[in-house]
N, C-alpha and C. Protein backbone atom coordinates (compact mmCIF):
# COMPACT_ATOMS: atom_id res chain seq x y z
N UNK A 1 -19.84 -33.07 -52.33
CA UNK A 1 -18.60 -31.97 -51.55
C UNK A 1 -17.12 -32.69 -52.13
N UNK A 2 -16.57 -31.53 -52.75
CA UNK A 2 -14.92 -32.06 -53.41
C UNK A 2 -14.17 -31.85 -52.32
N UNK A 3 -12.74 -32.67 -52.36
CA UNK A 3 -12.05 -32.13 -51.58
C UNK A 3 -10.67 -31.76 -52.49
N UNK A 4 -9.94 -31.25 -51.67
CA UNK A 4 -8.75 -30.68 -52.64
C UNK A 4 -7.86 -31.15 -51.83
N UNK A 5 -6.61 -31.74 -52.63
CA UNK A 5 -5.36 -32.31 -52.02
C UNK A 5 -4.28 -31.56 -52.58
N UNK A 6 -3.02 -31.88 -52.54
CA UNK A 6 -1.92 -31.25 -52.86
C UNK A 6 -1.82 -31.22 -54.21
N UNK A 7 -2.09 -32.22 -54.77
CA UNK A 7 -1.87 -32.75 -56.48
C UNK A 7 -2.97 -32.21 -57.22
N UNK A 8 -3.69 -31.66 -56.84
CA UNK A 8 -5.16 -30.54 -57.72
C UNK A 8 -5.10 -29.48 -57.12
N UNK A 9 -5.79 -28.55 -57.66
CA UNK A 9 -6.29 -27.04 -57.36
C UNK A 9 -4.86 -26.19 -57.76
N UNK A 10 -5.16 -24.77 -57.61
CA UNK A 10 -4.25 -23.79 -57.81
C UNK A 10 -2.89 -23.75 -57.00
N UNK A 11 -1.82 -23.09 -57.31
CA UNK A 11 -0.96 -22.91 -56.66
C UNK A 11 -1.42 -22.00 -55.16
N UNK A 12 -1.96 -21.21 -55.25
CA UNK A 12 -2.80 -20.65 -54.19
C UNK A 12 -3.31 -21.23 -53.38
N UNK A 13 -4.28 -22.31 -53.81
CA UNK A 13 -5.14 -23.19 -52.96
C UNK A 13 -3.88 -24.18 -52.33
N UNK A 14 -3.21 -24.68 -52.84
CA UNK A 14 -2.24 -25.49 -52.55
C UNK A 14 -1.63 -24.96 -51.28
N UNK A 15 -1.01 -23.63 -51.68
CA UNK A 15 -0.16 -22.92 -50.44
C UNK A 15 -1.37 -22.61 -49.25
N UNK A 16 -2.40 -22.42 -49.55
CA UNK A 16 -3.56 -22.14 -48.39
C UNK A 16 -3.73 -23.36 -47.58
N UNK A 17 -3.65 -24.48 -48.23
CA UNK A 17 -4.00 -25.60 -47.60
C UNK A 17 -2.75 -26.20 -46.60
N UNK A 18 -1.52 -25.90 -47.30
CA UNK A 18 -0.30 -26.32 -46.43
C UNK A 18 -0.06 -25.10 -45.49
N UNK A 19 -0.58 -23.92 -45.45
CA UNK A 19 -0.78 -23.05 -44.65
C UNK A 19 -1.69 -23.10 -43.22
N UNK A 20 -2.73 -23.71 -43.78
CA UNK A 20 -3.90 -24.31 -42.61
C UNK A 20 -3.04 -25.51 -42.15
N UNK A 21 -2.26 -26.65 -42.66
CA UNK A 21 -1.69 -27.51 -42.00
C UNK A 21 -0.86 -27.37 -40.84
N UNK A 22 0.12 -26.24 -41.43
CA UNK A 22 1.15 -25.74 -40.62
C UNK A 22 0.47 -24.82 -39.05
N UNK A 23 -0.47 -23.96 -39.77
CA UNK A 23 -1.32 -23.27 -38.52
C UNK A 23 -1.80 -24.41 -37.54
N UNK A 24 -2.27 -25.45 -37.98
CA UNK A 24 -3.15 -26.27 -37.37
C UNK A 24 -2.09 -26.84 -36.17
N UNK A 25 -0.84 -27.05 -36.94
CA UNK A 25 0.43 -28.01 -36.07
C UNK A 25 0.37 -26.91 -34.92
N UNK A 26 0.77 -25.59 -35.09
CA UNK A 26 1.14 -24.74 -34.42
C UNK A 26 0.06 -24.37 -33.27
N UNK A 27 -0.76 -24.71 -33.68
CA UNK A 27 -2.18 -24.55 -32.55
C UNK A 27 -2.15 -25.77 -31.50
N UNK A 28 -1.97 -26.80 -32.08
CA UNK A 28 -2.28 -27.87 -31.43
C UNK A 28 -0.93 -28.15 -30.30
N UNK A 29 0.48 -27.56 -30.85
CA UNK A 29 1.34 -27.75 -30.18
C UNK A 29 1.54 -26.62 -28.97
N UNK A 30 0.70 -25.54 -29.16
CA UNK A 30 0.37 -24.66 -28.13
C UNK A 30 -0.75 -25.01 -27.22
N UNK A 31 -1.35 -26.39 -27.25
CA UNK A 31 -2.95 -26.62 -26.62
C UNK A 31 -3.66 -26.23 -26.94
N UNK A 32 -3.91 -25.90 -28.05
CA UNK A 32 -5.46 -25.84 -28.55
C UNK A 32 -6.03 -27.03 -29.39
N UNK A 33 -7.16 -27.29 -29.11
CA UNK A 33 -7.98 -28.57 -29.80
C UNK A 33 -8.90 -28.08 -30.92
N UNK A 34 -8.96 -28.80 -32.07
CA UNK A 34 -9.55 -28.25 -32.99
C UNK A 34 -10.87 -28.88 -32.90
N UNK A 35 -11.67 -27.87 -33.10
CA UNK A 35 -12.93 -28.25 -33.22
C UNK A 35 -14.23 -28.29 -34.79
N UNK A 36 -13.53 -27.49 -35.42
CA UNK A 36 -13.67 -27.51 -36.82
C UNK A 36 -12.77 -26.99 -37.79
N UNK A 37 -12.66 -27.59 -39.14
CA UNK A 37 -12.02 -26.83 -40.06
C UNK A 37 -12.65 -26.65 -41.09
N UNK A 38 -12.51 -25.54 -42.04
CA UNK A 38 -13.20 -25.52 -42.89
C UNK A 38 -14.66 -25.27 -43.03
N UNK A 39 -15.30 -24.54 -41.65
CA UNK A 39 -16.61 -24.71 -41.11
C UNK A 39 -17.23 -23.73 -42.32
N UNK A 40 -18.28 -23.92 -43.11
CA UNK A 40 -18.88 -23.18 -44.01
C UNK A 40 -20.18 -23.23 -43.86
N UNK A 41 -20.75 -21.69 -44.14
CA UNK A 41 -22.04 -21.46 -44.02
C UNK A 41 -22.35 -21.03 -45.28
N UNK A 42 -22.90 -21.29 -46.37
CA UNK A 42 -22.98 -20.57 -47.64
C UNK A 42 -21.65 -20.29 -48.35
N UNK A 43 -21.29 -19.06 -48.70
CA UNK A 43 -20.40 -18.74 -49.06
C UNK A 43 -19.16 -18.43 -47.95
N UNK A 44 -19.42 -18.40 -46.86
CA UNK A 44 -19.22 -17.70 -45.69
C UNK A 44 -18.22 -18.83 -44.74
N UNK A 45 -16.93 -18.61 -45.10
CA UNK A 45 -15.99 -19.81 -44.32
C UNK A 45 -15.26 -19.55 -42.84
N UNK A 46 -14.84 -20.21 -42.14
CA UNK A 46 -14.00 -20.17 -41.20
C UNK A 46 -12.79 -21.32 -41.06
N UNK A 47 -11.44 -20.85 -41.44
CA UNK A 47 -10.70 -21.82 -41.75
C UNK A 47 -10.68 -22.88 -40.74
N UNK A 48 -10.30 -22.31 -38.88
CA UNK A 48 -10.28 -23.50 -38.28
C UNK A 48 -10.97 -22.62 -37.08
N UNK A 49 -11.47 -23.42 -36.24
CA UNK A 49 -12.35 -22.99 -35.22
C UNK A 49 -11.67 -23.99 -34.16
N UNK A 50 -10.78 -23.52 -33.20
CA UNK A 50 -10.23 -24.29 -32.13
C UNK A 50 -10.56 -23.72 -30.63
N UNK A 51 -10.11 -24.59 -29.75
CA UNK A 51 -10.49 -24.36 -28.26
C UNK A 51 -9.41 -24.54 -27.36
N UNK A 52 -8.92 -23.63 -26.45
CA UNK A 52 -8.00 -23.96 -25.51
C UNK A 52 -8.62 -23.54 -23.90
N UNK A 53 -8.91 -24.35 -23.10
CA UNK A 53 -9.58 -24.03 -21.89
C UNK A 53 -11.17 -23.39 -22.07
N UNK A 54 -11.50 -22.25 -21.63
CA UNK A 54 -12.63 -21.76 -21.71
C UNK A 54 -12.77 -20.67 -23.00
N UNK A 55 -11.70 -20.87 -23.88
CA UNK A 55 -11.63 -19.89 -25.32
C UNK A 55 -11.97 -20.66 -26.28
N UNK A 56 -12.73 -20.18 -27.17
CA UNK A 56 -12.95 -20.79 -28.73
C UNK A 56 -12.23 -19.56 -29.62
N UNK A 57 -11.57 -19.65 -30.33
CA UNK A 57 -11.20 -18.89 -31.23
C UNK A 57 -11.63 -19.40 -32.83
N UNK A 58 -11.86 -18.34 -33.49
CA UNK A 58 -12.23 -18.48 -34.66
C UNK A 58 -11.06 -18.03 -35.69
N UNK A 59 -10.47 -18.83 -36.47
CA UNK A 59 -9.06 -18.50 -36.72
C UNK A 59 -9.03 -18.02 -38.33
N UNK A 60 -8.57 -17.28 -38.82
CA UNK A 60 -8.47 -16.83 -40.61
C UNK A 60 -7.06 -17.11 -40.58
N UNK A 61 -6.57 -18.10 -41.39
CA UNK A 61 -4.97 -18.30 -42.14
C UNK A 61 -4.78 -17.76 -43.32
N UNK A 62 -3.48 -17.22 -43.04
CA UNK A 62 -2.88 -16.02 -44.26
C UNK A 62 -1.57 -17.07 -44.62
N UNK A 63 -1.37 -17.69 -45.72
CA UNK A 63 -0.25 -17.94 -45.97
C UNK A 63 0.43 -17.47 -47.24
N UNK A 64 1.75 -16.94 -47.17
CA UNK A 64 2.13 -16.40 -48.34
C UNK A 64 3.61 -16.82 -48.50
N UNK A 65 4.42 -17.37 -49.69
CA UNK A 65 5.65 -17.54 -49.87
C UNK A 65 6.59 -16.43 -49.47
N UNK A 66 6.07 -14.82 -49.36
CA UNK A 66 6.91 -14.01 -48.99
C UNK A 66 6.08 -12.84 -48.76
N UNK A 67 6.50 -12.00 -47.76
CA UNK A 67 5.58 -11.04 -47.16
C UNK A 67 5.85 -9.61 -47.99
N UNK A 68 7.10 -9.58 -48.50
CA UNK A 68 7.14 -8.21 -49.33
C UNK A 68 6.68 -6.96 -49.05
N UNK A 69 6.95 -6.89 -47.69
CA UNK A 69 6.67 -5.61 -46.94
C UNK A 69 5.11 -5.68 -46.80
N UNK A 70 4.22 -6.10 -47.00
CA UNK A 70 2.58 -6.48 -46.64
C UNK A 70 2.27 -7.34 -45.56
N UNK A 71 2.00 -7.38 -44.69
CA UNK A 71 1.34 -8.18 -43.69
C UNK A 71 0.55 -9.03 -44.14
N UNK A 72 0.47 -10.52 -44.28
CA UNK A 72 -0.91 -10.87 -44.61
C UNK A 72 -1.75 -10.97 -43.88
N UNK A 73 -2.21 -10.47 -42.80
CA UNK A 73 -3.25 -10.14 -42.27
C UNK A 73 -4.09 -8.81 -42.52
N UNK A 74 -3.52 -8.32 -43.57
CA UNK A 74 -3.86 -6.88 -44.13
C UNK A 74 -4.94 -7.45 -45.00
N UNK A 75 -4.90 -8.54 -45.75
CA UNK A 75 -5.72 -8.95 -46.58
C UNK A 75 -7.41 -9.53 -45.90
N UNK A 76 -6.81 -9.56 -44.50
CA UNK A 76 -8.26 -9.53 -44.01
C UNK A 76 -9.32 -8.29 -43.71
N UNK A 77 -10.08 -8.22 -44.95
CA UNK A 77 -10.44 -6.73 -44.80
C UNK A 77 -12.03 -6.88 -44.29
N UNK A 78 -12.37 -5.56 -43.96
CA UNK A 78 -13.61 -5.56 -43.72
C UNK A 78 -14.69 -6.35 -43.89
N UNK A 79 -14.81 -6.92 -45.27
CA UNK A 79 -15.62 -7.79 -45.98
C UNK A 79 -15.53 -9.10 -45.34
N UNK A 80 -14.43 -9.38 -45.55
CA UNK A 80 -13.78 -11.12 -44.90
C UNK A 80 -14.01 -10.82 -43.47
N UNK A 81 -13.92 -9.94 -42.68
CA UNK A 81 -14.10 -10.07 -40.98
C UNK A 81 -15.52 -10.14 -41.02
N UNK A 82 -16.55 -9.44 -41.73
CA UNK A 82 -17.79 -9.36 -41.64
C UNK A 82 -18.46 -10.73 -41.90
N UNK A 83 -17.84 -11.48 -43.09
CA UNK A 83 -18.29 -13.04 -43.24
C UNK A 83 -17.90 -13.88 -42.24
N UNK A 84 -16.61 -14.27 -41.70
CA UNK A 84 -16.06 -14.81 -40.56
C UNK A 84 -17.26 -14.29 -39.25
N UNK A 85 -17.38 -13.33 -39.22
CA UNK A 85 -18.39 -13.17 -37.91
C UNK A 85 -19.93 -13.60 -38.11
N UNK A 86 -20.16 -13.49 -39.30
CA UNK A 86 -21.51 -14.19 -39.29
C UNK A 86 -21.26 -15.38 -39.24
N UNK A 87 -20.58 -16.07 -40.08
CA UNK A 87 -20.52 -17.69 -39.83
C UNK A 87 -20.32 -18.18 -38.77
N UNK A 88 -19.46 -17.10 -37.58
CA UNK A 88 -18.94 -17.52 -36.11
C UNK A 88 -20.52 -17.59 -35.67
N UNK A 89 -21.31 -16.91 -35.94
CA UNK A 89 -22.62 -16.89 -35.25
C UNK A 89 -23.27 -17.49 -35.39
N UNK A 90 -23.45 -18.52 -36.51
CA UNK A 90 -24.03 -19.47 -36.89
C UNK A 90 -23.42 -20.58 -36.28
N UNK A 91 -22.35 -20.54 -35.55
CA UNK A 91 -21.40 -21.88 -35.01
C UNK A 91 -21.92 -21.46 -33.92
N UNK A 92 -21.89 -20.53 -33.29
CA UNK A 92 -22.08 -20.29 -31.84
C UNK A 92 -23.86 -20.74 -31.75
N UNK A 93 -24.63 -20.42 -32.25
CA UNK A 93 -25.84 -21.01 -32.06
C UNK A 93 -26.25 -22.28 -32.14
N UNK A 94 -25.46 -22.83 -33.14
CA UNK A 94 -25.71 -24.49 -33.37
C UNK A 94 -24.82 -25.30 -32.57
N UNK A 95 -23.82 -24.80 -31.78
CA UNK A 95 -23.16 -25.54 -30.86
C UNK A 95 -23.19 -25.77 -29.63
N UNK A 96 -24.08 -24.58 -29.25
CA UNK A 96 -24.63 -24.58 -27.61
C UNK A 96 -23.50 -24.62 -26.67
N UNK A 97 -22.45 -24.07 -26.67
CA UNK A 97 -21.06 -24.29 -26.11
C UNK A 97 -21.74 -23.01 -24.85
N UNK A 98 -21.35 -23.47 -23.57
CA UNK A 98 -21.39 -22.58 -22.82
C UNK A 98 -20.40 -22.27 -21.84
N UNK A 99 -20.46 -21.43 -21.25
CA UNK A 99 -19.36 -20.99 -20.35
C UNK A 99 -17.88 -20.67 -21.29
N UNK A 100 -17.81 -20.07 -22.26
CA UNK A 100 -16.90 -20.22 -23.00
C UNK A 100 -16.50 -18.31 -23.42
N UNK A 101 -15.87 -18.11 -23.89
CA UNK A 101 -15.39 -17.15 -24.37
C UNK A 101 -14.91 -17.17 -26.01
N UNK A 102 -15.46 -16.52 -26.94
CA UNK A 102 -14.97 -16.40 -28.26
C UNK A 102 -14.35 -15.12 -28.50
N UNK A 103 -13.34 -15.61 -29.57
CA UNK A 103 -12.36 -14.74 -30.19
C UNK A 103 -12.10 -14.81 -31.37
N UNK A 104 -11.40 -13.77 -32.13
CA UNK A 104 -11.06 -13.68 -33.57
C UNK A 104 -9.76 -13.53 -33.81
N UNK A 105 -8.90 -14.44 -34.15
CA UNK A 105 -7.36 -14.53 -34.40
C UNK A 105 -7.25 -14.70 -36.06
N UNK A 106 -6.03 -14.37 -36.19
CA UNK A 106 -5.19 -14.20 -37.34
C UNK A 106 -3.95 -15.27 -37.26
N UNK A 107 -3.71 -16.18 -38.25
CA UNK A 107 -2.29 -16.59 -38.02
C UNK A 107 -1.84 -16.59 -39.44
N UNK A 108 -0.67 -15.66 -39.51
CA UNK A 108 0.07 -15.66 -40.61
C UNK A 108 1.35 -16.64 -40.89
N UNK A 109 1.43 -17.29 -42.01
CA UNK A 109 2.46 -18.51 -42.23
C UNK A 109 3.48 -17.97 -43.28
N UNK A 110 4.66 -17.96 -43.04
CA UNK A 110 5.43 -17.60 -44.01
C UNK A 110 6.12 -18.91 -44.38
N UNK A 111 5.59 -19.35 -45.93
CA UNK A 111 5.82 -20.87 -46.41
C UNK A 111 7.21 -20.89 -46.45
N UNK A 112 8.01 -20.03 -46.86
CA UNK A 112 9.37 -20.23 -47.12
C UNK A 112 10.02 -20.24 -45.84
N UNK A 113 9.99 -19.63 -44.87
CA UNK A 113 10.87 -19.89 -43.66
C UNK A 113 10.02 -20.49 -42.52
N UNK A 114 8.35 -20.56 -42.99
CA UNK A 114 7.80 -21.55 -41.89
C UNK A 114 7.48 -20.91 -40.45
N UNK A 115 7.73 -19.33 -40.33
CA UNK A 115 7.55 -18.98 -39.62
C UNK A 115 6.04 -18.15 -39.49
N UNK A 116 5.50 -18.65 -38.10
CA UNK A 116 4.06 -18.38 -37.69
C UNK A 116 3.84 -17.37 -36.97
N UNK A 117 2.99 -16.45 -37.09
CA UNK A 117 2.73 -15.36 -36.36
C UNK A 117 1.58 -15.46 -35.89
N UNK A 118 0.71 -15.69 -34.57
CA UNK A 118 -0.67 -15.95 -34.08
C UNK A 118 -0.76 -14.63 -33.44
N UNK A 119 -1.70 -14.03 -34.32
CA UNK A 119 -2.22 -12.57 -34.02
C UNK A 119 -3.71 -13.02 -32.89
N UNK A 120 -3.74 -12.67 -31.64
CA UNK A 120 -4.86 -13.12 -31.09
C UNK A 120 -5.53 -12.00 -30.81
N UNK A 121 -6.92 -12.17 -30.79
CA UNK A 121 -7.78 -11.17 -30.63
C UNK A 121 -7.34 -9.79 -31.91
N UNK A 122 -7.47 -10.63 -33.16
CA UNK A 122 -7.05 -9.35 -34.28
C UNK A 122 -7.92 -8.55 -34.51
N UNK A 123 -9.09 -8.79 -34.42
CA UNK A 123 -10.48 -8.15 -34.23
C UNK A 123 -11.52 -8.42 -33.60
N UNK A 124 -12.75 -7.51 -33.32
CA UNK A 124 -13.68 -7.82 -32.61
C UNK A 124 -14.85 -8.03 -32.99
N UNK A 125 -16.12 -8.54 -33.09
CA UNK A 125 -17.12 -8.61 -33.46
C UNK A 125 -17.97 -7.30 -34.14
N UNK A 126 -17.96 -6.66 -32.98
CA UNK A 126 -18.51 -4.97 -33.09
C UNK A 126 -17.73 -4.05 -34.15
N UNK A 127 -17.46 -4.94 -35.27
CA UNK A 127 -16.73 -4.21 -36.50
C UNK A 127 -17.80 -2.95 -36.79
């Protein structure tokens, strides 16, 4: 398994990693605990899996240098949601967590202004 740091990889990959770090800081600041980062099943990946109380959130992070009128969450299309939901089902089965509620969130990070927008329950598993 190779790891990507900010010195290698494309500009898009570096922006994505920076966005994930900012999103994780934001979530921790708001009382969430990290369970998994870049959880992967085959080609399906969940950026962050976090927990706060009895809620586990599967978080997709979208980072952009500017929003140019189009919200980053718009890039989380049907196929991407389907892949996240499929990966989350593996995680749920493997984690054996009980008495928790699961949800799907999106975090938008503006890398220029460092503004973070957390969309809770951005979509549902019954897509």
